[in-house]
Amino acid sequence: CNDFVHGYDLSAHLREVHGHNRSDKGRAWCQWNSCNKELNNDCILRHIEEIHLRIVYTCAECGNTFTRRDTLSKHRR
């Protein structure tokens, strides 16, 4: 969709606007522009953050950047 999701929780946007439910065990298509990649429901949010929004997480200790929040958490340990 063309909604601007500034200052808005992406997960809530996907749930409220697109009816996406991460707890569903099925698969869904990414509707971002013409992506059309089929993913497990619980992976769509991470896919959008990594591929389409290119969100990166930076380690406050060393400055390394990671595309996934869980990878940053493992790095910090």
Protein backbone atom coordinates (compact mmCIF):
# COMPACT_ATOMS: atom_id res chain seq x y z
CA CYS A 1 0.00 0.00 0.00
CA ASN A 2 1.07 3.61 -0.22
CA ASP A 3 0.54 4.41 3.47
CA PHE A 4 3.37 6.32 5.10
CA VAL A 5 4.16 4.42 8.30
CA HIS A 6 6.17 7.15 10.04
CA GLY A 7 6.10 6.94 13.81
CA TYR A 8 3.75 3.99 13.50
CA ASP A 9 4.35 0.45 14.59
CA LEU A 10 4.89 -1.57 11.40
CA SER A 11 3.58 -4.72 13.05
CA ALA A 12 0.36 -2.91 14.03
CA HIS A 13 0.05 -1.48 10.51
CA LEU A 14 0.35 -4.94 8.95
CA ARG A 15 -2.24 -6.31 11.38
CA GLU A 16 -4.77 -3.45 11.26
CA VAL A 17 -4.54 -2.40 7.61
CA HIS A 18 -3.60 -5.63 5.86
CA GLY A 19 -5.10 -8.21 8.24
CA HIS A 20 -1.74 -9.90 8.76
CA ASN A 21 -1.54 -12.16 11.81
CA ARG A 22 1.97 -13.36 12.70
CA SER A 23 0.60 -16.22 14.79
CA ASP A 24 -1.07 -17.83 11.77
CA LYS A 25 0.95 -20.88 10.77
CA GLY A 26 0.29 -20.44 7.05
CA ARG A 27 2.12 -18.58 4.34
CA ALA A 28 1.47 -15.19 2.80
CA TRP A 29 2.69 -13.07 -0.09
CA CYS A 30 4.67 -9.89 0.50
CA GLN A 31 2.53 -7.11 -0.94
CA TRP A 32 5.30 -4.50 -0.93
CA ASN A 33 5.18 -2.92 -4.41
CA SER A 34 5.73 -5.83 -6.78
CA CYS A 35 7.80 -8.06 -4.48
CA ASN A 36 5.29 -10.94 -4.36
CA LYS A 37 7.67 -13.19 -2.41
CA GLU A 38 5.90 -16.01 -0.55
CA LEU A 39 6.93 -16.26 3.11
CA ASN A 40 5.83 -17.83 6.36
CA ASN A 41 3.48 -15.45 8.20
CA ASP A 42 5.94 -15.05 11.05
CA CYS A 43 8.70 -13.90 8.64
CA ILE A 44 6.94 -11.10 6.75
CA LEU A 45 7.73 -8.34 9.25
CA ARG A 46 11.44 -9.23 9.30
CA HIS A 47 11.45 -9.49 5.48
CA ILE A 48 10.00 -5.98 5.12
CA GLU A 49 12.44 -4.50 7.63
CA GLU A 50 15.50 -6.16 6.04
CA ILE A 51 14.71 -6.05 2.33
CA HIS A 52 12.37 -3.13 1.76
CA LEU A 53 13.08 -0.70 4.61
CA ARG A 54 16.75 -1.69 4.94
CA ILE A 55 16.64 -1.15 8.70
CA VAL A 56 19.98 -1.69 10.41
CA TYR A 57 20.77 -2.08 14.10
CA THR A 58 24.03 -0.63 15.39
CA CYS A 59 26.01 -1.96 18.32
CA ALA A 60 26.56 0.86 20.82
CA GLU A 61 29.81 -0.78 21.98
CA CYS A 62 31.71 -1.31 18.72
CA GLY A 63 29.66 0.32 15.96
CA ASN A 64 29.10 -2.88 13.95
CA THR A 65 25.79 -2.91 12.08
CA PHE A 66 23.36 -5.78 11.67
CA THR A 67 20.26 -6.24 9.54
CA ARG A 68 18.54 -8.29 12.24
CA ARG A 69 17.78 -7.31 15.83
CA ASP A 70 18.31 -10.88 17.06
CA THR A 71 21.78 -10.97 15.48
CA LEU A 72 22.69 -7.77 17.33
CA SER A 73 21.45 -9.34 20.58
CA LYS A 74 23.62 -12.42 20.01
CA HIS A 75 26.58 -10.16 19.19
CA ARG A 76 26.18 -8.27 22.48
CA ARG A 77 26.41 -11.50 24.53
